[in-house]
Amino acid sequence: MLKAQQVAFNTLKPAIPVSEVDQACRKVFKECGVMNLVQHHTGHAIGLEGHERPFLDIGMNNIIMKPGMVFTVEPGIYERSIGGFRHSDTVIITDEGMERITLYPRNIESLIVD
């Protein structure tokens, strides 16, 4: 999951279609053999609402990222019999790329619920 999210971070930058972020994450999931567990897009914009367009989705290839846009990056996988996992961080698109504005723990111990 963290690999998919890191690939998304590396893809987020101005002048790139938002769809490329989802495509990059889906490529990681496919390489890892878990594409069948993906049930939603990689993320979405945040503004006045918690969930706004544009979505980081393969179908939104006509929307280009611009500095100042804010997104949540939350690739997820879900297995019906046991549940799912999604790791989410919020980023802002900058002139050079992106900046994480939430810093959730990334070590495995912090991500396990007993």
PDB file of N, CA and C in Angstrom:
ATOM      1  N   MET A   1       0.825  -1.185   0.000  1.00  0.00           N
ATOM      2  CA  MET A   1       0.000   0.000   0.000  1.00  0.00           C
ATOM      3  C   MET A   1       0.875   1.257   0.000  1.00  0.00           C
ATOM      4  N   LEU A   2       1.896   1.259   0.832  1.00  0.00           N
ATOM      5  CA  LEU A   2       2.757   2.437   0.888  1.00  0.00           C
ATOM      6  C   LEU A   2       3.501   2.651  -0.428  1.00  0.00           C
ATOM      7  N   LYS A   3       3.838   1.560  -1.112  1.00  0.00           N
ATOM      8  CA  LYS A   3       4.492   1.686  -2.422  1.00  0.00           C
ATOM      9  C   LYS A   3       3.556   2.378  -3.409  1.00  0.00           C
ATOM     10  N   ALA A   4       2.293   1.979  -3.418  1.00  0.00           N
ATOM     11  CA  ALA A   4       1.318   2.610  -4.317  1.00  0.00           C
ATOM     12  C   ALA A   4       1.164   4.088  -3.980  1.00  0.00           C
ATOM     13  N   GLN A   5       1.103   4.393  -2.685  1.00  0.00           N
ATOM     14  CA  GLN A   5       0.947   5.794  -2.305  1.00  0.00           C
ATOM     15  C   GLN A   5       2.190   6.600  -2.679  1.00  0.00           C
ATOM     16  N   GLN A   6       3.372   6.018  -2.509  1.00  0.00           N
ATOM     17  CA  GLN A   6       4.601   6.731  -2.872  1.00  0.00           C
ATOM     18  C   GLN A   6       4.659   6.987  -4.377  1.00  0.00           C
ATOM     19  N   VAL A   7       4.217   6.025  -5.165  1.00  0.00           N
ATOM     20  CA  VAL A   7       4.153   6.217  -6.615  1.00  0.00           C
ATOM     21  C   VAL A   7       3.205   7.368  -6.942  1.00  0.00           C
ATOM     22  N   ALA A   8       2.088   7.441  -6.226  1.00  0.00           N
ATOM     23  CA  ALA A   8       1.153   8.559  -6.422  1.00  0.00           C
ATOM     24  C   ALA A   8       1.835   9.880  -6.089  1.00  0.00           C
ATOM     25  N   PHE A   9       2.533   9.940  -4.952  1.00  0.00           N
ATOM     26  CA  PHE A   9       3.241  11.167  -4.575  1.00  0.00           C
ATOM     27  C   PHE A   9       4.216  11.586  -5.679  1.00  0.00           C
ATOM     28  N   ASN A  10       4.925  10.613  -6.239  1.00  0.00           N
ATOM     29  CA  ASN A  10       5.920  10.906  -7.276  1.00  0.00           C
ATOM     30  C   ASN A  10       5.275  11.399  -8.570  1.00  0.00           C
ATOM     31  N   THR A  11       4.012  11.069  -8.780  1.00  0.00           N
ATOM     32  CA  THR A  11       3.302  11.440 -10.007  1.00  0.00           C
ATOM     33  C   THR A  11       2.620  12.799  -9.885  1.00  0.00           C
ATOM     34  N   LEU A  12       2.303  13.215  -8.673  1.00  0.00           N
ATOM     35  CA  LEU A  12       1.576  14.468  -8.452  1.00  0.00           C
ATOM     36  C   LEU A  12       2.456  15.678  -8.759  1.00  0.00           C
ATOM     37  N   LYS A  13       2.064  16.437  -9.782  1.00  0.00           N
ATOM     38  CA  LYS A  13       2.798  17.658 -10.146  1.00  0.00           C
ATOM     39  C   LYS A  13       1.959  18.460 -11.123  1.00  0.00           C
ATOM     40  N   PRO A  14       2.245  19.735 -11.257  1.00  0.00           N
ATOM     41  CA  PRO A  14       1.475  20.561 -12.191  1.00  0.00           C
ATOM     42  C   PRO A  14       1.632  20.075 -13.631  1.00  0.00           C
ATOM     43  N   ALA A  15       0.625  20.376 -14.419  1.00  0.00           N
ATOM     44  CA  ALA A  15       0.602  20.104 -15.861  1.00  0.00           C
ATOM     45  C   ALA A  15       0.439  18.623 -16.199  1.00  0.00           C
ATOM     46  N   ILE A  16       0.081  17.801 -15.220  1.00  0.00           N
ATOM     47  CA  ILE A  16      -0.146  16.369 -15.429  1.00  0.00           C
ATOM     48  C   ILE A  16      -1.637  16.096 -15.250  1.00  0.00           C
ATOM     49  N   PRO A  17      -2.249  15.278 -16.103  1.00  0.00           N
ATOM     50  CA  PRO A  17      -3.657  14.921 -15.887  1.00  0.00           C
ATOM     51  C   PRO A  17      -3.830  14.148 -14.575  1.00  0.00           C
ATOM     52  N   VAL A  18      -4.898  14.422 -13.843  1.00  0.00           N
ATOM     53  CA  VAL A  18      -5.147  13.724 -12.575  1.00  0.00           C
ATOM     54  C   VAL A  18      -5.264  12.218 -12.789  1.00  0.00           C
ATOM     55  N   SER A  19      -5.678  11.799 -13.966  1.00  0.00           N
ATOM     56  CA  SER A  19      -5.834  10.369 -14.264  1.00  0.00           C
ATOM     57  C   SER A  19      -4.511   9.614 -14.170  1.00  0.00           C
ATOM     58  N   GLU A  20      -3.382  10.290 -14.427  1.00  0.00           N
ATOM     59  CA  GLU A  20      -2.084   9.614 -14.395  1.00  0.00           C
ATOM     60  C   GLU A  20      -1.727   9.118 -13.001  1.00  0.00           C
ATOM     61  N   VAL A  21      -2.231   9.771 -11.966  1.00  0.00           N
ATOM     62  CA  VAL A  21      -1.970   9.334 -10.593  1.00  0.00           C
ATOM     63  C   VAL A  21      -2.641   7.981 -10.357  1.00  0.00           C
ATOM     64  N   ASP A  22      -3.894   7.857 -10.749  1.00  0.00           N
ATOM     65  CA  ASP A  22      -4.621   6.596 -10.593  1.00  0.00           C
ATOM     66  C   ASP A  22      -3.994   5.502 -11.455  1.00  0.00           C
ATOM     67  N   GLN A  23      -3.606   5.842 -12.670  1.00  0.00           N
ATOM     68  CA  GLN A  23      -2.963   4.858 -13.548  1.00  0.00           C
ATOM     69  C   GLN A  23      -1.682   4.321 -12.919  1.00  0.00           C
ATOM     70  N   ALA A  24      -0.896   5.195 -12.323  1.00  0.00           N
ATOM     71  CA  ALA A  24       0.363   4.781 -11.705  1.00  0.00           C
ATOM     72  C   ALA A  24       0.114   3.844 -10.525  1.00  0.00           C
ATOM     73  N   CYS A  25      -0.882   4.157  -9.699  1.00  0.00           N
ATOM     74  CA  CYS A  25      -1.203   3.289  -8.560  1.00  0.00           C
ATOM     75  C   CYS A  25      -1.730   1.943  -9.025  1.00  0.00           C
ATOM     76  N   ARG A  26      -2.594   1.955 -10.023  1.00  0.00           N
ATOM     77  CA  ARG A  26      -3.144   0.703 -10.549  1.00  0.00           C
ATOM     78  C   ARG A  26      -2.041  -0.185 -11.126  1.00  0.00           C
ATOM     79  N   LYS A  27      -1.025   0.421 -11.700  1.00  0.00           N
ATOM     80  CA  LYS A  27       0.106  -0.357 -12.215  1.00  0.00           C
ATOM     81  C   LYS A  27       0.807  -1.089 -11.068  1.00  0.00           C
ATOM     82  N   VAL A  28       1.010  -0.411  -9.943  1.00  0.00           N
ATOM     83  CA  VAL A  28       1.624  -1.047  -8.769  1.00  0.00           C
ATOM     84  C   VAL A  28       0.749  -2.196  -8.280  1.00  0.00           C
ATOM     85  N   PHE A  29      -0.554  -1.958  -8.160  1.00  0.00           N
ATOM     86  CA  PHE A  29      -1.456  -3.010  -7.689  1.00  0.00           C
ATOM     87  C   PHE A  29      -1.444  -4.213  -8.629  1.00  0.00           C
ATOM     88  N   LYS A  30      -1.400  -3.956  -9.928  1.00  0.00           N
ATOM     89  CA  LYS A  30      -1.364  -5.046 -10.905  1.00  0.00           C
ATOM     90  C   LYS A  30      -0.071  -5.839 -10.757  1.00  0.00           C
ATOM     91  N   GLU A  31       1.062  -5.143 -10.642  1.00  0.00           N
ATOM     92  CA  GLU A  31       2.359  -5.810 -10.471  1.00  0.00           C
ATOM     93  C   GLU A  31       2.396  -6.654  -9.202  1.00  0.00           C
ATOM     94  N   CYS A  32       1.675  -6.215  -8.165  1.00  0.00           N
ATOM     95  CA  CYS A  32       1.643  -6.939  -6.886  1.00  0.00           C
ATOM     96  C   CYS A  32       0.567  -8.032  -6.862  1.00  0.00           C
ATOM     97  N   GLY A  33      -0.215  -8.134  -7.934  1.00  0.00           N
ATOM     98  CA  GLY A  33      -1.234  -9.172  -8.018  1.00  0.00           C
ATOM     99  C   GLY A  33      -2.471  -8.925  -7.183  1.00  0.00           C
ATOM    100  N   VAL A  34      -2.757  -7.657  -6.874  1.00  0.00           N
ATOM    101  CA  VAL A  34      -3.930  -7.353  -6.038  1.00  0.00           C
ATOM    102  C   VAL A  34      -4.921  -6.417  -6.732  1.00  0.00           C
ATOM    103  N   MET A  35      -4.818  -6.280  -8.042  1.00  0.00           N
ATOM    104  CA  MET A  35      -5.717  -5.372  -8.759  1.00  0.00           C
ATOM    105  C   MET A  35      -7.177  -5.741  -8.532  1.00  0.00           C
ATOM    106  N   ASN A  36      -7.460  -7.027  -8.345  1.00  0.00           N
ATOM    107  CA  ASN A  36      -8.838  -7.466  -8.103  1.00  0.00           C
ATOM    108  C   ASN A  36      -9.387  -6.978  -6.765  1.00  0.00           C
ATOM    109  N   LEU A  37      -8.539  -6.458  -5.900  1.00  0.00           N
ATOM    110  CA  LEU A  37      -8.972  -5.967  -4.585  1.00  0.00           C
ATOM    111  C   LEU A  37      -9.220  -4.457  -4.570  1.00  0.00           C
ATOM    112  N   VAL A  38      -8.950  -3.790  -5.684  1.00  0.00           N
ATOM    113  CA  VAL A  38      -9.138  -2.339  -5.777  1.00  0.00           C
ATOM    114  C   VAL A  38     -10.603  -2.048  -6.084  1.00  0.00           C
ATOM    115  N   GLN A  39     -11.210  -1.143  -5.293  1.00  0.00           N
ATOM    116  CA  GLN A  39     -12.627  -0.843  -5.467  1.00  0.00           C
ATOM    117  C   GLN A  39     -12.916   0.636  -5.721  1.00  0.00           C
ATOM    118  N   HIS A  40     -11.909   1.486  -5.693  1.00  0.00           N
ATOM    119  CA  HIS A  40     -12.172   2.914  -5.909  1.00  0.00           C
ATOM    120  C   HIS A  40     -10.927   3.610  -6.444  1.00  0.00           C
ATOM    121  N   HIS A  41     -11.118   4.865  -6.791  1.00  0.00           N
ATOM    122  CA  HIS A  41     -10.013   5.666  -7.315  1.00  0.00           C
ATOM    123  C   HIS A  41      -8.980   5.948  -6.221  1.00  0.00           C
ATOM    124  N   THR A  42      -7.864   6.514  -6.630  1.00  0.00           N
ATOM    125  CA  THR A  42      -6.732   6.746  -5.729  1.00  0.00           C
ATOM    126  C   THR A  42      -6.948   7.895  -4.758  1.00  0.00           C
ATOM    127  N   GLY A  43      -7.791   8.840  -5.093  1.00  0.00           N
ATOM    128  CA  GLY A  43      -8.020   9.967  -4.193  1.00  0.00           C
ATOM    129  C   GLY A  43      -8.969  10.975  -4.803  1.00  0.00           C
ATOM    130  N   HIS A  44      -9.015  12.138  -4.183  1.00  0.00           N
ATOM    131  CA  HIS A  44      -9.952  13.176  -4.617  1.00  0.00           C
ATOM    132  C   HIS A  44      -9.484  14.528  -4.108  1.00  0.00           C
ATOM    133  N   ALA A  45     -10.060  15.562  -4.682  1.00  0.00           N
ATOM    134  CA  ALA A  45      -9.770  16.920  -4.232  1.00  0.00           C
ATOM    135  C   ALA A  45     -10.481  17.193  -2.909  1.00  0.00           C
ATOM    136  N   ILE A  46      -9.957  18.161  -2.185  1.00  0.00           N
ATOM    137  CA  ILE A  46     -10.566  18.637  -0.942  1.00  0.00           C
ATOM    138  C   ILE A  46     -10.641  20.155  -1.053  1.00  0.00           C
ATOM    139  N   GLY A  47     -11.785  20.701  -0.691  1.00  0.00           N
ATOM    140  CA  GLY A  47     -11.962  22.151  -0.714  1.00  0.00           C
ATOM    141  C   GLY A  47     -12.975  22.526   0.338  1.00  0.00           C
ATOM    142  N   LEU A  48     -14.109  23.039  -0.087  1.00  0.00           N
ATOM    143  CA  LEU A  48     -15.188  23.354   0.847  1.00  0.00           C
ATOM    144  C   LEU A  48     -15.868  22.089   1.345  1.00  0.00           C
ATOM    145  N   GLU A  49     -15.793  21.025   0.565  1.00  0.00           N
ATOM    146  CA  GLU A  49     -16.352  19.725   0.934  1.00  0.00           C
ATOM    147  C   GLU A  49     -15.209  18.751   1.195  1.00  0.00           C
ATOM    148  N   GLY A  50     -15.507  17.696   1.915  1.00  0.00           N
ATOM    149  CA  GLY A  50     -14.498  16.673   2.191  1.00  0.00           C
ATOM    150  C   GLY A  50     -14.137  15.844   0.974  1.00  0.00           C
ATOM    151  N   HIS A  51     -15.104  15.638   0.088  1.00  0.00           N
ATOM    152  CA  HIS A  51     -14.881  14.888  -1.152  1.00  0.00           C
ATOM    153  C   HIS A  51     -15.353  15.749  -2.313  1.00  0.00           C
ATOM    154  N   GLU A  52     -14.415  16.171  -3.135  1.00  0.00           N
ATOM    155  CA  GLU A  52     -14.746  17.025  -4.278  1.00  0.00           C
ATOM    156  C   GLU A  52     -14.069  16.507  -5.538  1.00  0.00           C
ATOM    157  N   ARG A  53     -14.597  16.930  -6.667  1.00  0.00           N
ATOM    158  CA  ARG A  53     -13.925  16.706  -7.940  1.00  0.00           C
ATOM    159  C   ARG A  53     -12.777  17.693  -8.040  1.00  0.00           C
ATOM    160  N   PRO A  54     -11.738  17.399  -8.732  1.00  0.00           N
ATOM    161  CA  PRO A  54     -11.583  16.191  -9.517  1.00  0.00           C
ATOM    162  C   PRO A  54     -11.110  15.024  -8.661  1.00  0.00           C
ATOM    163  N   PHE A  55     -11.507  13.833  -9.091  1.00  0.00           N
ATOM    164  CA  PHE A  55     -11.028  12.609  -8.461  1.00  0.00           C
ATOM    165  C   PHE A  55      -9.716  12.204  -9.119  1.00  0.00           C
ATOM    166  N   LEU A  56      -8.849  11.568  -8.356  1.00  0.00           N
ATOM    167  CA  LEU A  56      -7.642  10.966  -8.931  1.00  0.00           C
ATOM    168  C   LEU A  56      -8.095   9.632  -9.509  1.00  0.00           C
ATOM    169  N   ASP A  57      -8.620   9.688 -10.731  1.00  0.00           N
ATOM    170  CA  ASP A  57      -9.324   8.561 -11.332  1.00  0.00           C
ATOM    171  C   ASP A  57      -8.937   8.430 -12.805  1.00  0.00           C
ATOM    172  N   ILE A  58      -8.830   7.195 -13.260  1.00  0.00           N
ATOM    173  CA  ILE A  58      -8.419   6.951 -14.644  1.00  0.00           C
ATOM    174  C   ILE A  58      -9.362   7.581 -15.663  1.00  0.00           C
ATOM    175  N   GLY A  59     -10.585   7.865 -15.276  1.00  0.00           N
ATOM    176  CA  GLY A  59     -11.546   8.458 -16.197  1.00  0.00           C
ATOM    177  C   GLY A  59     -11.471   9.973 -16.308  1.00  0.00           C
ATOM    178  N   MET A  60     -10.628  10.617 -15.522  1.00  0.00           N
ATOM    179  CA  MET A  60     -10.575  12.087 -15.510  1.00  0.00           C
ATOM    180  C   MET A  60      -9.312  12.593 -16.200  1.00  0.00           C
ATOM    181  N   ASN A  61      -9.097  12.141 -17.433  1.00  0.00           N
ATOM    182  CA  ASN A  61      -7.864  12.512 -18.127  1.00  0.00           C
ATOM    183  C   ASN A  61      -7.902  13.898 -18.754  1.00  0.00           C
ATOM    184  N   ASN A  62      -9.022  14.591 -18.657  1.00  0.00           N
ATOM    185  CA  ASN A  62      -9.098  15.943 -19.224  1.00  0.00           C
ATOM    186  C   ASN A  62      -8.885  17.034 -18.172  1.00  0.00           C
ATOM    187  N   ILE A  63      -8.598  16.646 -16.931  1.00  0.00           N
ATOM    188  CA  ILE A  63      -8.370  17.636 -15.865  1.00  0.00           C
ATOM    189  C   ILE A  63      -6.885  17.633 -15.514  1.00  0.00           C
ATOM    190  N   ILE A  64      -6.276  18.788 -15.615  1.00  0.00           N
ATOM    191  CA  ILE A  64      -4.835  18.946 -15.409  1.00  0.00           C
ATOM    192  C   ILE A  64      -4.578  19.551 -14.029  1.00  0.00           C
ATOM    193  N   MET A  65      -3.602  18.984 -13.311  1.00  0.00           N
ATOM    194  CA  MET A  65      -3.253  19.516 -11.990  1.00  0.00           C
ATOM    195  C   MET A  65      -2.573  20.875 -12.127  1.00  0.00           C
ATOM    196  N   LYS A  66      -2.897  21.751 -11.154  1.00  0.00           N
ATOM    197  CA  LYS A  66      -2.335  23.099 -11.116  1.00  0.00           C
ATOM    198  C   LYS A  66      -1.872  23.403  -9.696  1.00  0.00           C
ATOM    199  N   PRO A  67      -0.868  24.274  -9.543  1.00  0.00           N
ATOM    200  CA  PRO A  67      -0.444  24.665  -8.202  1.00  0.00           C
ATOM    201  C   PRO A  67      -1.629  25.200  -7.396  1.00  0.00           C
ATOM    202  N   GLY A  68      -1.673  24.812  -6.138  1.00  0.00           N
ATOM    203  CA  GLY A  68      -2.742  25.240  -5.244  1.00  0.00           C
ATOM    204  C   GLY A  68      -3.857  24.220  -5.086  1.00  0.00           C
ATOM    205  N   MET A  69      -3.940  23.246  -5.992  1.00  0.00           N
ATOM    206  CA  MET A  69      -4.961  22.206  -5.846  1.00  0.00           C
ATOM    207  C   MET A  69      -4.593  21.314  -4.663  1.00  0.00           C
ATOM    208  N   VAL A  70      -5.604  20.885  -3.902  1.00  0.00           N
ATOM    209  CA  VAL A  70      -5.392  20.048  -2.722  1.00  0.00           C
ATOM    210  C   VAL A  70      -6.090  18.712  -2.948  1.00  0.00           C
ATOM    211  N   PHE A  71      -5.355  17.628  -2.686  1.00  0.00           N
ATOM    212  CA  PHE A  71      -5.881  16.278  -2.875  1.00  0.00           C
ATOM    213  C   PHE A  71      -5.615  15.419  -1.654  1.00  0.00           C
ATOM    214  N   THR A  72      -6.500  14.461  -1.433  1.00  0.00           N
ATOM    215  CA  THR A  72      -6.193  13.377  -0.523  1.00  0.00           C
ATOM    216  C   THR A  72      -5.763  12.201  -1.387  1.00  0.00           C
ATOM    217  N   VAL A  73      -4.688  11.553  -0.994  1.00  0.00           N
ATOM    218  CA  VAL A  73      -4.134  10.422  -1.739  1.00  0.00           C
ATOM    219  C   VAL A  73      -4.359   9.189  -0.878  1.00  0.00           C
ATOM    220  N   GLU A  74      -5.294   8.340  -1.307  1.00  0.00           N
ATOM    221  CA  GLU A  74      -5.729   7.236  -0.452  1.00  0.00           C
ATOM    222  C   GLU A  74      -6.002   5.952  -1.230  1.00  0.00           C
ATOM    223  N   PRO A  75      -4.961   5.398  -1.859  1.00  0.00           N
ATOM    224  CA  PRO A  75      -5.179   4.124  -2.530  1.00  0.00           C
ATOM    225  C   PRO A  75      -5.611   3.072  -1.507  1.00  0.00           C
ATOM    226  N   GLY A  76      -6.472   2.166  -1.919  1.00  0.00           N
ATOM    227  CA  GLY A  76      -6.957   1.157  -0.985  1.00  0.00           C
ATOM    228  C   GLY A  76      -7.199  -0.175  -1.648  1.00  0.00           C
ATOM    229  N   ILE A  77      -7.110  -1.234  -0.839  1.00  0.00           N
ATOM    230  CA  ILE A  77      -7.479  -2.573  -1.286  1.00  0.00           C
ATOM    231  C   ILE A  77      -8.422  -3.168  -0.251  1.00  0.00           C
ATOM    232  N   TYR A  78      -9.321  -4.022  -0.731  1.00  0.00           N
ATOM    233  CA  TYR A  78     -10.376  -4.558   0.130  1.00  0.00           C
ATOM    234  C   TYR A  78     -10.604  -6.029  -0.168  1.00  0.00           C
ATOM    235  N   GLU A  79     -10.598  -6.842   0.865  1.00  0.00           N
ATOM    236  CA  GLU A  79     -10.900  -8.271   0.776  1.00  0.00           C
ATOM    237  C   GLU A  79     -12.165  -8.513   1.583  1.00  0.00           C
ATOM    238  N   ARG A  80     -13.229  -8.953   0.916  1.00  0.00           N
ATOM    239  CA  ARG A  80     -14.532  -9.094   1.582  1.00  0.00           C
ATOM    240  C   ARG A  80     -14.488  -9.865   2.891  1.00  0.00           C
ATOM    241  N   SER A  81     -13.735 -10.938   2.931  1.00  0.00           N
ATOM    242  CA  SER A  81     -13.763 -11.795   4.116  1.00  0.00           C
ATOM    243  C   SER A  81     -13.013 -11.210   5.313  1.00  0.00           C
ATOM    244  N   ILE A  82     -12.108 -10.248   5.075  1.00  0.00           N
ATOM    245  CA  ILE A  82     -11.344  -9.718   6.211  1.00  0.00           C
ATOM    246  C   ILE A  82     -11.380  -8.203   6.356  1.00  0.00           C
ATOM    247  N   GLY A  83     -11.763  -7.475   5.336  1.00  0.00           N
ATOM    248  CA  GLY A  83     -11.817  -6.015   5.421  1.00  0.00           C
ATOM    249  C   GLY A  83     -10.898  -5.381   4.403  1.00  0.00           C
ATOM    250  N   GLY A  84     -10.461  -4.172   4.699  1.00  0.00           N
ATOM    251  CA  GLY A  84      -9.638  -3.461   3.740  1.00  0.00           C
ATOM    252  C   GLY A  84      -8.620  -2.570   4.416  1.00  0.00           C
ATOM    253  N   PHE A  85      -7.783  -1.965   3.591  1.00  0.00           N
ATOM    254  CA  PHE A  85      -6.768  -1.053   4.102  1.00  0.00           C
ATOM    255  C   PHE A  85      -6.601   0.101   3.123  1.00  0.00           C
ATOM    256  N   ARG A  86      -6.566   1.283   3.692  1.00  0.00           N
ATOM    257  CA  ARG A  86      -6.353   2.491   2.899  1.00  0.00           C
ATOM    258  C   ARG A  86      -5.493   3.423   3.744  1.00  0.00           C
ATOM    259  N   HIS A  87      -4.438   3.932   3.158  1.00  0.00           N
ATOM    260  CA  HIS A  87      -3.552   4.869   3.848  1.00  0.00           C
ATOM    261  C   HIS A  87      -3.738   6.219   3.178  1.00  0.00           C
ATOM    262  N   SER A  88      -4.065   7.244   3.950  1.00  0.00           N
ATOM    263  CA  SER A  88      -4.446   8.527   3.361  1.00  0.00           C
ATOM    264  C   SER A  88      -3.569   9.667   3.865  1.00  0.00           C
ATOM    265  N   ASP A  89      -3.113  10.467   2.946  1.00  0.00           N
ATOM    266  CA  ASP A  89      -2.431  11.716   3.266  1.00  0.00           C
ATOM    267  C   ASP A  89      -2.987  12.807   2.362  1.00  0.00           C
ATOM    268  N   THR A  90      -2.912  14.034   2.836  1.00  0.00           N
ATOM    269  CA  THR A  90      -3.382  15.180   2.069  1.00  0.00           C
ATOM    270  C   THR A  90      -2.168  15.932   1.541  1.00  0.00           C
ATOM    271  N   VAL A  91      -2.263  16.346   0.276  1.00  0.00           N
ATOM    272  CA  VAL A  91      -1.147  17.034  -0.377  1.00  0.00           C
ATOM    273  C   VAL A  91      -1.653  18.291  -1.071  1.00  0.00           C
ATOM    274  N   ILE A  92      -0.743  19.219  -1.277  1.00  0.00           N
ATOM    275  CA  ILE A  92      -1.040  20.406  -2.085  1.00  0.00           C
ATOM    276  C   ILE A  92      -0.082  20.405  -3.275  1.00  0.00           C
ATOM    277  N   ILE A  93      -0.612  20.690  -4.438  1.00  0.00           N
ATOM    278  CA  ILE A  93       0.225  20.772  -5.637  1.00  0.00           C
ATOM    279  C   ILE A  93       0.989  22.098  -5.586  1.00  0.00           C
ATOM    280  N   THR A  94       2.298  22.013  -5.781  1.00  0.00           N
ATOM    281  CA  THR A  94       3.166  23.196  -5.763  1.00  0.00           C
ATOM    282  C   THR A  94       3.699  23.449  -7.181  1.00  0.00           C
ATOM    283  N   ASP A  95       4.462  24.505  -7.340  1.00  0.00           N
ATOM    284  CA  ASP A  95       5.060  24.790  -8.649  1.00  0.00           C
ATOM    285  C   ASP A  95       6.011  23.679  -9.091  1.00  0.00           C
ATOM    286  N   GLU A  96       6.659  23.028  -8.132  1.00  0.00           N
ATOM    287  CA  GLU A  96       7.656  22.003  -8.448  1.00  0.00           C
ATOM    288  C   GLU A  96       7.126  20.579  -8.381  1.00  0.00           C
ATOM    289  N   GLY A  97       6.015  20.349  -7.707  1.00  0.00           N
ATOM    290  CA  GLY A  97       5.509  18.989  -7.506  1.00  0.00           C
ATOM    291  C   GLY A  97       4.365  18.994  -6.523  1.00  0.00           C
ATOM    292  N   MET A  98       4.617  18.413  -5.352  1.00  0.00           N
ATOM    293  CA  MET A  98       3.599  18.410  -4.313  1.00  0.00           C
ATOM    294  C   MET A  98       4.263  18.468  -2.947  1.00  0.00           C
ATOM    295  N   GLU A  99       3.460  18.850  -1.960  1.00  0.00           N
ATOM    296  CA  GLU A  99       3.921  18.879  -0.569  1.00  0.00           C
ATOM    297  C   GLU A  99       2.875  18.174   0.277  1.00  0.00           C
ATOM    298  N   ARG A 100       3.320  17.227   1.106  1.00  0.00           N
ATOM    299  CA  ARG A 100       2.398  16.570   2.035  1.00  0.00           C
ATOM    300  C   ARG A 100       2.063  17.547   3.148  1.00  0.00           C
ATOM    301  N   ILE A 101       0.773  17.701   3.431  1.00  0.00           N
ATOM    302  CA  ILE A 101       0.370  18.586   4.524  1.00  0.00           C
ATOM    303  C   ILE A 101      -0.209  17.796   5.692  1.00  0.00           C
ATOM    304  N   THR A 102      -0.291  16.483   5.547  1.00  0.00           N
ATOM    305  CA  THR A 102      -0.546  15.599   6.686  1.00  0.00           C
ATOM    306  C   THR A 102       0.600  14.603   6.707  1.00  0.00           C
ATOM    307  N   LEU A 103       0.995  14.231   7.874  1.00  0.00           N
ATOM    308  CA  LEU A 103       2.145  13.334   8.008  1.00  0.00           C
ATOM    309  C   LEU A 103       1.775  12.139   8.879  1.00  0.00           C
ATOM    310  N   TYR A 104       0.928  11.271   8.347  1.00  0.00           N
ATOM    311  CA  TYR A 104       0.542  10.076   9.097  1.00  0.00           C
ATOM    312  C   TYR A 104       1.722   9.126   9.186  1.00  0.00           C
ATOM    313  N   PRO A 105       1.789   8.347  10.274  1.00  0.00           N
ATOM    314  CA  PRO A 105       2.891   7.391  10.432  1.00  0.00           C
ATOM    315  C   PRO A 105       2.939   6.419   9.257  1.00  0.00           C
ATOM    316  N   ARG A 106       4.146   6.029   8.883  1.00  0.00           N
ATOM    317  CA  ARG A 106       4.321   5.111   7.759  1.00  0.00           C
ATOM    318  C   ARG A 106       4.976   3.811   8.198  1.00  0.00           C
ATOM    319  N   ASN A 107       5.331   3.685   9.473  1.00  0.00           N
ATOM    320  CA  ASN A 107       5.920   2.431   9.939  1.00  0.00           C
ATOM    321  C   ASN A 107       4.810   1.413  10.217  1.00  0.00           C
ATOM    322  N   ILE A 108       5.103   0.151   9.987  1.00  0.00           N
ATOM    323  CA  ILE A 108       4.090  -0.902  10.056  1.00  0.00           C
ATOM    324  C   ILE A 108       3.452  -1.003  11.447  1.00  0.00           C
ATOM    325  N   GLU A 109       4.215  -0.771  12.491  1.00  0.00           N
ATOM    326  CA  GLU A 109       3.676  -0.871  13.847  1.00  0.00           C
ATOM    327  C   GLU A 109       2.540   0.122  14.083  1.00  0.00           C
ATOM    328  N   SER A 110       2.650   1.303  13.514  1.00  0.00           N
ATOM    329  CA  SER A 110       1.617   2.328  13.686  1.00  0.00           C
ATOM    330  C   SER A 110       0.372   2.058  12.852  1.00  0.00           C
ATOM    331  N   LEU A 111       0.485   1.171  11.880  1.00  0.00           N
ATOM    332  CA  LEU A 111      -0.621   0.913  10.967  1.00  0.00           C
ATOM    333  C   LEU A 111      -1.425  -0.331  11.329  1.00  0.00           C
ATOM    334  N   ILE A 112      -1.031  -1.036  12.379  1.00  0.00           N
ATOM    335  CA  ILE A 112      -1.709  -2.272  12.781  1.00  0.00           C
ATOM    336  C   ILE A 112      -2.697  -1.981  13.898  1.00  0.00           C
ATOM    337  N   VAL A 113      -3.900  -2.503  13.747  1.00  0.00           N
ATOM    338  CA  VAL A 113      -4.920  -2.405  14.792  1.00  0.00           C
ATOM    339  C   VAL A 113      -5.064  -3.782  15.411  1.00  0.00           C
ATOM    340  N   ASP A 114      -4.851  -3.873  16.714  1.00  0.00           N
ATOM    341  CA  ASP A 114      -5.003  -5.168  17.408  1.00  0.00           C
ATOM    342  C   ASP A 114      -6.413  -5.364  17.888  1.00  0.00           C
TER     343      ASP A 114
END
